[in-house]
Amino acid sequence: MKIFKRKTSFEQNNPESIIAACLQNEPEAQRALISYYYGFAKSICRRFSSDDLSADEILNDSFLKVFNNLHKYNQSQAFKAWLRTIIVNTSIDYYRKSIHETHNISNVRHDIPDETEDVISKISAEEILRLVRSLSPAYRMVFTLFVIEGYSHKEIAEIMGIKEGTSKSNLQDARHKLQAMILKLNPQSSFAYE
């Protein structure tokens, strides 16, 4: 018995073709678009979230926004950049929603020396991501927006509804906490600071 596979109106490995089919509301094209950009999108979501469940929620919300707003996409712009913007904004919305649930930011300062490349080079990218994900939501958001996404403190303050000084303070505190976690993870490297 031969099984017939329905021919799609788009090329599986051609993002422009997939996007065009998505604009025609083709479910197969929507699945293909998610599949094509899944790894890229998931990596951004993971940086902003504290766990994989939250990352999946941000990812799902992001793709829902993509499909609801695809008609607004300017095709002269790179789709990845447009998608990244949606994911970052969805992550910010997720943070705003969750901030009402948690307000436990520590104001304790740690006197820890700056990390060196030697210490960082001994830690895998996955370990660094795990450490960043363990930061409080406010610290993680400021750290990710500033260090990874390249936002200014002024932009972060506007996005998060905080003062610019608070953004700077949260970034400094996030760095100190990360340094402490890195040193805890690699105690043999602490001799370099003595």
N, C-alpha and C. Protein backbone atom coordinates (compact mmCIF):
# COMPACT_ATOMS: atom_id res chain seq x y z
N MET A 1 0.85 -1.18 0.00
CA MET A 1 0.00 0.00 0.00
C MET A 1 0.89 1.23 0.00
N LYS A 2 0.64 2.10 -0.91
CA LYS A 2 1.43 3.31 -1.04
C LYS A 2 0.72 4.46 -0.32
N ILE A 3 1.49 5.17 0.48
CA ILE A 3 0.92 6.31 1.20
C ILE A 3 1.27 7.57 0.44
N PHE A 4 0.25 8.37 0.19
CA PHE A 4 0.47 9.60 -0.54
C PHE A 4 0.71 10.75 0.43
N LYS A 5 1.74 11.49 0.14
CA LYS A 5 2.06 12.64 0.97
C LYS A 5 1.62 13.89 0.23
N ARG A 6 0.91 14.73 0.94
CA ARG A 6 0.40 15.96 0.34
C ARG A 6 1.57 16.86 -0.02
N LYS A 7 1.57 17.37 -1.22
CA LYS A 7 2.62 18.26 -1.68
C LYS A 7 2.40 19.63 -1.04
N THR A 8 3.49 20.19 -0.49
CA THR A 8 3.41 21.50 0.13
C THR A 8 3.64 22.59 -0.90
N SER A 9 3.17 23.79 -0.61
CA SER A 9 3.32 24.91 -1.53
C SER A 9 4.57 25.73 -1.23
N PHE A 10 5.47 25.16 -0.44
CA PHE A 10 6.68 25.89 -0.06
C PHE A 10 7.87 24.93 -0.05
N GLU A 11 9.05 25.52 -0.10
CA GLU A 11 10.28 24.73 -0.02
C GLU A 11 10.71 24.63 1.43
N GLN A 12 10.92 23.43 1.92
CA GLN A 12 11.24 23.18 3.33
C GLN A 12 12.47 23.93 3.81
N ASN A 13 13.47 24.11 2.97
CA ASN A 13 14.72 24.74 3.39
C ASN A 13 14.87 26.17 2.88
N ASN A 14 13.76 26.78 2.52
CA ASN A 14 13.79 28.14 2.02
C ASN A 14 12.90 29.01 2.92
N PRO A 15 13.52 29.80 3.82
CA PRO A 15 12.71 30.58 4.77
C PRO A 15 11.74 31.55 4.09
N GLU A 16 12.15 32.15 3.00
CA GLU A 16 11.25 33.09 2.31
C GLU A 16 10.01 32.37 1.79
N SER A 17 10.21 31.16 1.27
CA SER A 17 9.09 30.36 0.78
C SER A 17 8.17 29.94 1.93
N ILE A 18 8.78 29.57 3.04
CA ILE A 18 8.00 29.16 4.22
C ILE A 18 7.18 30.35 4.74
N ILE A 19 7.81 31.51 4.82
CA ILE A 19 7.12 32.71 5.31
C ILE A 19 5.95 33.07 4.39
N ALA A 20 6.17 32.97 3.09
CA ALA A 20 5.10 33.26 2.13
C ALA A 20 3.91 32.32 2.34
N ALA A 21 4.20 31.05 2.58
CA ALA A 21 3.12 30.08 2.83
C ALA A 21 2.44 30.35 4.18
N CYS A 22 3.22 30.79 5.16
CA CYS A 22 2.64 31.14 6.47
C CYS A 22 1.68 32.31 6.33
N LEU A 23 2.01 33.23 5.44
CA LEU A 23 1.11 34.38 5.21
C LEU A 23 -0.21 33.94 4.60
N GLN A 24 -0.22 32.74 4.01
CA GLN A 24 -1.45 32.16 3.47
C GLN A 24 -2.13 31.25 4.50
N ASN A 25 -1.63 31.32 5.75
CA ASN A 25 -2.17 30.55 6.88
C ASN A 25 -2.12 29.04 6.66
N GLU A 26 -1.04 28.56 6.07
CA GLU A 26 -0.88 27.12 5.88
C GLU A 26 -0.26 26.51 7.15
N PRO A 27 -0.97 25.62 7.80
CA PRO A 27 -0.47 25.01 9.05
C PRO A 27 0.87 24.29 8.87
N GLU A 28 1.06 23.61 7.74
CA GLU A 28 2.33 22.91 7.50
C GLU A 28 3.48 23.90 7.42
N ALA A 29 3.23 25.05 6.85
CA ALA A 29 4.27 26.08 6.74
C ALA A 29 4.58 26.65 8.13
N GLN A 30 3.56 26.80 8.96
CA GLN A 30 3.79 27.29 10.31
C GLN A 30 4.66 26.32 11.09
N ARG A 31 4.38 25.02 10.96
CA ARG A 31 5.21 24.01 11.62
C ARG A 31 6.63 24.05 11.07
N ALA A 32 6.76 24.25 9.76
CA ALA A 32 8.09 24.31 9.14
C ALA A 32 8.87 25.53 9.62
N LEU A 33 8.18 26.66 9.80
CA LEU A 33 8.84 27.88 10.28
C LEU A 33 9.34 27.68 11.71
N ILE A 34 8.50 27.09 12.55
CA ILE A 34 8.92 26.80 13.93
C ILE A 34 10.12 25.86 13.91
N SER A 35 10.05 24.82 13.12
CA SER A 35 11.14 23.86 13.05
C SER A 35 12.43 24.51 12.55
N TYR A 36 12.32 25.37 11.56
CA TYR A 36 13.48 26.02 10.95
C TYR A 36 14.20 26.94 11.94
N TYR A 37 13.44 27.67 12.75
CA TYR A 37 14.02 28.66 13.67
C TYR A 37 14.00 28.21 15.13
N TYR A 38 13.62 26.98 15.39
CA TYR A 38 13.46 26.52 16.77
C TYR A 38 14.73 26.69 17.61
N GLY A 39 15.84 26.19 17.14
CA GLY A 39 17.09 26.25 17.90
C GLY A 39 17.50 27.68 18.21
N PHE A 40 17.42 28.54 17.21
CA PHE A 40 17.76 29.95 17.38
C PHE A 40 16.85 30.60 18.43
N ALA A 41 15.55 30.38 18.29
CA ALA A 41 14.58 31.00 19.19
C ALA A 41 14.71 30.44 20.61
N LYS A 42 14.88 29.14 20.73
CA LYS A 42 14.98 28.51 22.05
C LYS A 42 16.20 29.02 22.81
N SER A 43 17.31 29.23 22.10
CA SER A 43 18.52 29.70 22.78
C SER A 43 18.31 31.09 23.38
N ILE A 44 17.58 31.94 22.71
CA ILE A 44 17.28 33.27 23.25
C ILE A 44 16.36 33.14 24.46
N CYS A 45 15.33 32.35 24.34
CA CYS A 45 14.38 32.15 25.44
C CYS A 45 15.07 31.61 26.68
N ARG A 46 16.00 30.69 26.51
CA ARG A 46 16.70 30.10 27.65
C ARG A 46 17.52 31.13 28.41
N ARG A 47 18.09 32.11 27.69
CA ARG A 47 18.90 33.13 28.36
C ARG A 47 18.05 34.03 29.26
N PHE A 48 16.80 34.21 28.91
CA PHE A 48 15.93 35.09 29.67
C PHE A 48 15.14 34.38 30.76
N SER A 49 15.14 33.06 30.76
CA SER A 49 14.28 32.32 31.68
C SER A 49 15.07 31.64 32.77
N SER A 50 14.36 31.28 33.83
CA SER A 50 15.01 30.60 34.95
C SER A 50 15.00 29.09 34.80
N ASP A 51 14.14 28.57 33.92
CA ASP A 51 14.06 27.12 33.74
C ASP A 51 13.49 26.82 32.36
N ASP A 52 13.53 25.55 31.98
CA ASP A 52 13.09 25.17 30.64
C ASP A 52 11.58 25.35 30.44
N LEU A 53 10.81 25.18 31.49
CA LEU A 53 9.37 25.38 31.39
C LEU A 53 9.05 26.84 31.03
N SER A 54 9.72 27.77 31.70
CA SER A 54 9.54 29.19 31.39
C SER A 54 10.03 29.50 29.98
N ALA A 55 11.14 28.91 29.60
CA ALA A 55 11.68 29.12 28.25
C ALA A 55 10.68 28.65 27.20
N ASP A 56 10.05 27.49 27.45
CA ASP A 56 9.06 26.97 26.51
C ASP A 56 7.84 27.88 26.43
N GLU A 57 7.45 28.43 27.56
CA GLU A 57 6.30 29.35 27.57
C GLU A 57 6.62 30.61 26.77
N ILE A 58 7.81 31.16 26.96
CA ILE A 58 8.23 32.33 26.19
C ILE A 58 8.30 31.99 24.71
N LEU A 59 8.84 30.82 24.40
CA LEU A 59 8.96 30.38 23.01
C LEU A 59 7.59 30.26 22.35
N ASN A 60 6.65 29.61 23.03
CA ASN A 60 5.30 29.46 22.48
C ASN A 60 4.63 30.81 22.27
N ASP A 61 4.73 31.68 23.27
CA ASP A 61 4.13 33.01 23.15
C ASP A 61 4.77 33.80 22.01
N SER A 62 6.07 33.63 21.85
CA SER A 62 6.79 34.35 20.78
C SER A 62 6.30 33.91 19.40
N PHE A 63 6.21 32.60 19.19
CA PHE A 63 5.76 32.12 17.88
C PHE A 63 4.29 32.47 17.64
N LEU A 64 3.49 32.50 18.68
CA LEU A 64 2.11 32.94 18.52
C LEU A 64 2.08 34.39 18.04
N LYS A 65 2.93 35.24 18.64
CA LYS A 65 3.02 36.64 18.20
C LYS A 65 3.53 36.74 16.77
N VAL A 66 4.47 35.88 16.41
CA VAL A 66 4.99 35.88 15.04
C VAL A 66 3.85 35.62 14.06
N PHE A 67 3.07 34.58 14.33
CA PHE A 67 2.00 34.23 13.38
C PHE A 67 0.88 35.26 13.38
N ASN A 68 0.60 35.87 14.52
CA ASN A 68 -0.44 36.91 14.56
C ASN A 68 0.00 38.21 13.92
N ASN A 69 1.31 38.43 13.80
CA ASN A 69 1.82 39.70 13.28
C ASN A 69 2.66 39.54 12.03
N LEU A 70 2.66 38.37 11.44
CA LEU A 70 3.50 38.13 10.27
C LEU A 70 3.18 39.08 9.11
N HIS A 71 1.93 39.49 9.03
CA HIS A 71 1.55 40.43 7.97
C HIS A 71 2.24 41.79 8.13
N LYS A 72 2.76 42.08 9.34
CA LYS A 72 3.46 43.34 9.60
C LYS A 72 4.96 43.24 9.32
N TYR A 73 5.43 42.04 9.07
CA TYR A 73 6.86 41.82 8.84
C TYR A 73 7.28 42.50 7.55
N ASN A 74 8.32 43.33 7.64
CA ASN A 74 8.89 44.01 6.48
C ASN A 74 9.95 43.10 5.87
N GLN A 75 9.68 42.58 4.69
CA GLN A 75 10.57 41.58 4.10
C GLN A 75 11.91 42.14 3.65
N SER A 76 12.09 43.46 3.71
CA SER A 76 13.41 44.02 3.42
C SER A 76 14.32 43.88 4.64
N GLN A 77 13.73 43.53 5.79
CA GLN A 77 14.46 43.32 7.03
C GLN A 77 14.75 41.82 7.17
N ALA A 78 15.86 41.48 7.82
CA ALA A 78 16.17 40.07 8.06
C ALA A 78 15.13 39.48 9.01
N PHE A 79 14.59 38.32 8.64
CA PHE A 79 13.56 37.69 9.47
C PHE A 79 14.10 37.33 10.84
N LYS A 80 15.34 36.86 10.91
CA LYS A 80 15.93 36.49 12.21
C LYS A 80 15.96 37.68 13.15
N ALA A 81 16.28 38.85 12.64
CA ALA A 81 16.32 40.05 13.48
C ALA A 81 14.92 40.39 13.98
N TRP A 82 13.93 40.26 13.11
CA TRP A 82 12.54 40.53 13.49
C TRP A 82 12.08 39.53 14.54
N LEU A 83 12.41 38.26 14.33
CA LEU A 83 12.05 37.20 15.27
C LEU A 83 12.74 37.45 16.62
N ARG A 84 14.02 37.82 16.59
CA ARG A 84 14.76 38.09 17.83
C ARG A 84 14.09 39.20 18.62
N THR A 85 13.66 40.26 17.94
CA THR A 85 12.99 41.37 18.60
C THR A 85 11.71 40.90 19.28
N ILE A 86 10.95 40.07 18.60
CA ILE A 86 9.71 39.54 19.18
C ILE A 86 10.01 38.70 20.41
N ILE A 87 11.03 37.86 20.33
CA ILE A 87 11.38 37.00 21.46
C ILE A 87 11.85 37.82 22.65
N VAL A 88 12.70 38.81 22.40
CA VAL A 88 13.18 39.67 23.49
C VAL A 88 12.01 40.41 24.13
N ASN A 89 11.12 40.97 23.31
CA ASN A 89 9.96 41.68 23.85
C ASN A 89 9.01 40.74 24.60
N THR A 90 8.85 39.53 24.12
CA THR A 90 8.03 38.54 24.82
C THR A 90 8.67 38.17 26.15
N SER A 91 9.98 38.06 26.17
CA SER A 91 10.71 37.77 27.41
C SER A 91 10.51 38.90 28.42
N ILE A 92 10.55 40.12 27.94
CA ILE A 92 10.33 41.28 28.80
C ILE A 92 8.91 41.26 29.36
N ASP A 93 7.94 40.96 28.51
CA ASP A 93 6.55 40.85 28.97
C ASP A 93 6.42 39.75 30.02
N TYR A 94 7.10 38.63 29.80
CA TYR A 94 7.06 37.52 30.75
C TYR A 94 7.65 37.97 32.08
N TYR A 95 8.76 38.70 32.02
CA TYR A 95 9.38 39.23 33.24
C TYR A 95 8.42 40.15 33.97
N ARG A 96 7.79 41.07 33.24
CA ARG A 96 6.85 42.02 33.87
C ARG A 96 5.71 41.28 34.56
N LYS A 97 5.23 40.22 33.91
CA LYS A 97 4.15 39.44 34.48
C LYS A 97 4.60 38.72 35.75
N SER A 98 5.82 38.20 35.72
CA SER A 98 6.30 37.43 36.86
C SER A 98 6.83 38.31 37.99
N ILE A 99 7.18 39.56 37.70
CA ILE A 99 7.75 40.43 38.73
C ILE A 99 6.73 40.72 39.82
N HIS A 100 5.47 40.69 39.47
CA HIS A 100 4.43 40.91 40.47
C HIS A 100 4.37 39.76 41.47
N GLU A 101 4.89 38.60 41.04
CA GLU A 101 4.87 37.42 41.90
C GLU A 101 6.07 37.36 42.83
N THR A 102 7.19 37.96 42.40
CA THR A 102 8.39 37.90 43.22
C THR A 102 9.04 39.28 43.32
N HIS A 103 9.34 39.68 44.52
CA HIS A 103 10.03 40.95 44.77
C HIS A 103 11.17 40.75 45.75
N ASN A 104 11.91 39.69 45.57
CA ASN A 104 12.95 39.36 46.54
C ASN A 104 14.34 39.55 45.96
N ILE A 105 14.71 40.80 45.76
CA ILE A 105 16.04 41.11 45.26
C ILE A 105 16.92 41.46 46.45
N SER A 106 18.03 40.80 46.53
CA SER A 106 18.96 41.06 47.63
C SER A 106 19.80 42.29 47.32
N ASN A 107 19.98 43.14 48.32
CA ASN A 107 20.81 44.32 48.16
C ASN A 107 22.18 44.12 48.79
N VAL A 108 22.52 42.89 49.10
CA VAL A 108 23.80 42.59 49.73
C VAL A 108 24.89 42.69 48.68
N ARG A 109 25.95 43.43 48.99
CA ARG A 109 27.10 43.56 48.11
C ARG A 109 28.12 42.50 48.47
N HIS A 110 28.79 41.99 47.47
CA HIS A 110 29.83 41.01 47.69
C HIS A 110 31.15 41.61 47.25
N ASP A 111 32.17 41.50 48.08
CA ASP A 111 33.49 41.98 47.72
C ASP A 111 34.25 40.84 47.08
N ILE A 112 34.01 40.68 45.79
CA ILE A 112 34.64 39.60 45.04
C ILE A 112 35.40 40.23 43.88
N PRO A 113 36.61 39.84 43.66
CA PRO A 113 37.37 40.42 42.56
C PRO A 113 36.76 40.04 41.21
N ASP A 114 37.06 40.83 40.18
CA ASP A 114 36.57 40.54 38.85
C ASP A 114 37.10 39.20 38.37
N GLU A 115 36.28 38.50 37.61
CA GLU A 115 36.71 37.21 37.09
C GLU A 115 37.73 37.43 35.99
N THR A 116 38.55 36.44 35.77
CA THR A 116 39.53 36.52 34.70
C THR A 116 39.12 35.56 33.60
N GLU A 117 39.73 35.75 32.44
CA GLU A 117 39.43 34.85 31.33
C GLU A 117 39.80 33.42 31.68
N ASP A 118 40.85 33.26 32.50
CA ASP A 118 41.29 31.93 32.89
C ASP A 118 40.17 31.16 33.58
N VAL A 119 39.45 31.82 34.48
CA VAL A 119 38.35 31.18 35.21
C VAL A 119 37.20 30.89 34.26
N ILE A 120 36.84 31.87 33.46
CA ILE A 120 35.72 31.72 32.53
C ILE A 120 36.01 30.62 31.51
N SER A 121 37.24 30.51 31.06
CA SER A 121 37.56 29.53 30.02
C SER A 121 37.40 28.09 30.52
N LYS A 122 37.35 27.89 31.84
CA LYS A 122 37.20 26.55 32.40
C LYS A 122 35.73 26.14 32.54
N ILE A 123 34.83 27.05 32.23
CA ILE A 123 33.40 26.78 32.41
C ILE A 123 32.75 26.64 31.03
N SER A 124 31.90 25.65 30.88
CA SER A 124 31.22 25.45 29.60
C SER A 124 30.11 26.48 29.43
N ALA A 125 29.70 26.66 28.20
CA ALA A 125 28.61 27.60 27.90
C ALA A 125 27.33 27.18 28.63
N GLU A 126 27.09 25.89 28.72
CA GLU A 126 25.90 25.39 29.40
C GLU A 126 25.95 25.71 30.89
N GLU A 127 27.13 25.61 31.48
CA GLU A 127 27.27 25.95 32.91
C GLU A 127 27.04 27.45 33.14
N ILE A 128 27.57 28.27 32.23
CA ILE A 128 27.37 29.71 32.35
C ILE A 128 25.88 30.04 32.22
N LEU A 129 25.22 29.42 31.26
CA LEU A 129 23.78 29.64 31.09
C LEU A 129 23.03 29.23 32.35
N ARG A 130 23.40 28.11 32.94
CA ARG A 130 22.75 27.64 34.17
C ARG A 130 22.93 28.67 35.29
N LEU A 131 24.12 29.22 35.39
CA LEU A 131 24.38 30.23 36.42
C LEU A 131 23.56 31.49 36.18
N VAL A 132 23.50 31.95 34.94
CA VAL A 132 22.71 33.14 34.62
C VAL A 132 21.23 32.87 34.92
N ARG A 133 20.77 31.69 34.60
CA ARG A 133 19.36 31.35 34.84
C ARG A 133 19.03 31.28 36.31
N SER A 134 20.04 31.09 37.17
CA SER A 134 19.79 31.01 38.60
C SER A 134 19.70 32.39 39.26
N LEU A 135 20.03 33.45 38.52
CA LEU A 135 19.90 34.80 39.06
C LEU A 135 18.43 35.14 39.28
N SER A 136 18.17 36.11 40.14
CA SER A 136 16.79 36.56 40.33
C SER A 136 16.28 37.13 39.01
N PRO A 137 14.97 37.18 38.80
CA PRO A 137 14.45 37.68 37.52
C PRO A 137 14.96 39.07 37.14
N ALA A 138 15.02 39.99 38.09
CA ALA A 138 15.47 41.36 37.78
C ALA A 138 16.94 41.37 37.37
N TYR A 139 17.77 40.64 38.09
CA TYR A 139 19.19 40.58 37.75
C TYR A 139 19.39 39.91 36.40
N ARG A 140 18.69 38.79 36.19
CA ARG A 140 18.82 38.05 34.93
C ARG A 140 18.39 38.91 33.75
N MET A 141 17.29 39.64 33.92
CA MET A 141 16.78 40.47 32.83
C MET A 141 17.77 41.57 32.48
N VAL A 142 18.26 42.29 33.49
CA VAL A 142 19.21 43.38 33.23
C VAL A 142 20.50 42.82 32.63
N PHE A 143 21.01 41.74 33.20
CA PHE A 143 22.24 41.14 32.70
C PHE A 143 22.10 40.72 31.24
N THR A 144 21.02 40.03 30.93
CA THR A 144 20.81 39.54 29.57
C THR A 144 20.60 40.69 28.59
N LEU A 145 19.77 41.66 28.97
CA LEU A 145 19.54 42.79 28.07
C LEU A 145 20.82 43.59 27.82
N PHE A 146 21.62 43.81 28.86
CA PHE A 146 22.81 44.64 28.73
C PHE A 146 23.96 43.87 28.09
N VAL A 147 24.32 42.73 28.66
CA VAL A 147 25.51 42.01 28.23
C VAL A 147 25.30 41.26 26.92
N ILE A 148 24.16 40.62 26.76
CA ILE A 148 23.95 39.77 25.60
C ILE A 148 23.24 40.50 24.46
N GLU A 149 22.18 41.24 24.79
CA GLU A 149 21.39 41.89 23.75
C GLU A 149 21.90 43.29 23.39
N GLY A 150 22.75 43.88 24.24
CA GLY A 150 23.35 45.16 23.91
C GLY A 150 22.50 46.39 24.18
N TYR A 151 21.49 46.27 25.03
CA TYR A 151 20.68 47.43 25.38
C TYR A 151 21.47 48.35 26.30
N SER A 152 21.16 49.65 26.26
CA SER A 152 21.79 50.60 27.18
C SER A 152 21.02 50.59 28.50
N HIS A 153 21.64 51.15 29.54
CA HIS A 153 20.94 51.21 30.84
C HIS A 153 19.69 52.08 30.73
N LYS A 154 19.75 53.12 29.91
CA LYS A 154 18.58 53.98 29.73
C LYS A 154 17.42 53.18 29.10
N GLU A 155 17.74 52.39 28.09
CA GLU A 155 16.71 51.57 27.44
C GLU A 155 16.15 50.53 28.40
N ILE A 156 17.04 49.90 29.17
CA ILE A 156 16.61 48.89 30.13
C ILE A 156 15.70 49.51 31.18
N ALA A 157 16.06 50.70 31.65
CA ALA A 157 15.25 51.39 32.65
C ALA A 157 13.84 51.65 32.12
N GLU A 158 13.75 52.09 30.86
CA GLU A 158 12.44 52.34 30.25
C GLU A 158 11.65 51.05 30.09
N ILE A 159 12.31 50.01 29.63
CA ILE A 159 11.65 48.72 29.41
C ILE A 159 11.10 48.14 30.71
N MET A 160 11.93 48.19 31.75
CA MET A 160 11.58 47.54 33.01
C MET A 160 10.85 48.45 33.98
N GLY A 161 10.73 49.73 33.65
CA GLY A 161 10.04 50.65 34.55
C GLY A 161 10.83 50.90 35.83
N ILE A 162 12.14 50.99 35.70
CA ILE A 162 13.01 51.25 36.85
C ILE A 162 13.88 52.46 36.53
N LYS A 163 14.64 52.91 37.51
CA LYS A 163 15.57 54.02 37.28
C LYS A 163 16.83 53.49 36.62
N GLU A 164 17.50 54.37 35.89
CA GLU A 164 18.73 53.98 35.21
C GLU A 164 19.78 53.50 36.22
N GLY A 165 19.85 54.16 37.37
CA GLY A 165 20.79 53.76 38.42
C GLY A 165 20.48 52.37 38.95
N THR A 166 19.20 52.03 39.01
CA THR A 166 18.80 50.69 39.46
C THR A 166 19.28 49.64 38.46
N SER A 167 19.17 49.98 37.17
CA SER A 167 19.66 49.07 36.14
C SER A 167 21.16 48.83 36.30
N LYS A 168 21.90 49.90 36.51
CA LYS A 168 23.35 49.77 36.69
C LYS A 168 23.67 48.95 37.95
N SER A 169 22.96 49.22 39.01
CA SER A 169 23.17 48.51 40.27
C SER A 169 22.83 47.02 40.12
N ASN A 170 21.71 46.73 39.44
CA ASN A 170 21.32 45.33 39.23
C ASN A 170 22.36 44.60 38.38
N LEU A 171 22.92 45.29 37.38
CA LEU A 171 23.95 44.66 36.55
C LEU A 171 25.19 44.36 37.39
N GLN A 172 25.60 45.33 38.19
CA GLN A 172 26.77 45.13 39.04
C GLN A 172 26.53 43.98 40.03
N ASP A 173 25.36 43.96 40.64
CA ASP A 173 25.02 42.89 41.58
C ASP A 173 24.96 41.53 40.88
N ALA A 174 24.40 41.52 39.67
CA ALA A 174 24.33 40.27 38.89
C ALA A 174 25.74 39.76 38.60
N ARG A 175 26.62 40.66 38.22
CA ARG A 175 28.00 40.26 37.95
C ARG A 175 28.68 39.72 39.20
N HIS A 176 28.46 40.39 40.33
CA HIS A 176 29.05 39.92 41.58
C HIS A 176 28.53 38.53 41.95
N LYS A 177 27.23 38.33 41.80
CA LYS A 177 26.64 37.02 42.11
C LYS A 177 27.20 35.95 41.17
N LEU A 178 27.32 36.29 39.89
CA LEU A 178 27.88 35.33 38.94
C LEU A 178 29.33 35.01 39.29
N GLN A 179 30.08 36.02 39.66
CA GLN A 179 31.48 35.80 40.04
C GLN A 179 31.55 34.86 41.25
N ALA A 180 30.69 35.09 42.22
CA ALA A 180 30.67 34.24 43.41
C ALA A 180 30.33 32.80 43.03
N MET A 181 29.36 32.64 42.14
CA MET A 181 28.97 31.29 41.71
C MET A 181 30.09 30.62 40.92
N ILE A 182 30.77 31.40 40.09
CA ILE A 182 31.87 30.85 39.29
C ILE A 182 33.00 30.40 40.22
N LEU A 183 33.31 31.22 41.20
CA LEU A 183 34.37 30.84 42.15
C LEU A 183 33.97 29.62 42.97
N LYS A 184 32.70 29.52 43.29
CA LYS A 184 32.22 28.35 44.03
C LYS A 184 32.31 27.09 43.16
N LEU A 185 32.01 27.28 41.87
CA LEU A 185 32.06 26.18 40.92
C LEU A 185 33.50 25.72 40.68
N ASN A 186 34.44 26.68 40.70
CA ASN A 186 35.85 26.41 40.47
C ASN A 186 36.69 26.94 41.61
N PRO A 187 36.61 26.34 42.79
CA PRO A 187 37.34 26.86 43.95
C PRO A 187 38.85 26.85 43.77
N GLN A 188 39.36 25.96 42.92
CA GLN A 188 40.80 25.91 42.70
C GLN A 188 41.31 27.19 42.03
N SER A 189 40.43 27.95 41.39
CA SER A 189 40.85 29.18 40.73
C SER A 189 40.93 30.35 41.69
N SER A 190 40.41 30.21 42.90
CA SER A 190 40.38 31.32 43.83
C SER A 190 41.77 31.74 44.31
N PHE A 191 42.75 30.83 44.17
CA PHE A 191 44.10 31.19 44.60
C PHE A 191 44.64 32.36 43.79
N ALA A 192 44.14 32.56 42.60
CA ALA A 192 44.63 33.64 41.75
C ALA A 192 44.30 35.01 42.35
N TYR A 193 43.35 35.07 43.30
CA TYR A 193 42.92 36.35 43.83
C TYR A 193 43.52 36.64 45.19
N GLU A 194 44.24 35.69 45.75
CA GLU A 194 44.79 35.87 47.09
C GLU A 194 46.04 36.72 47.06
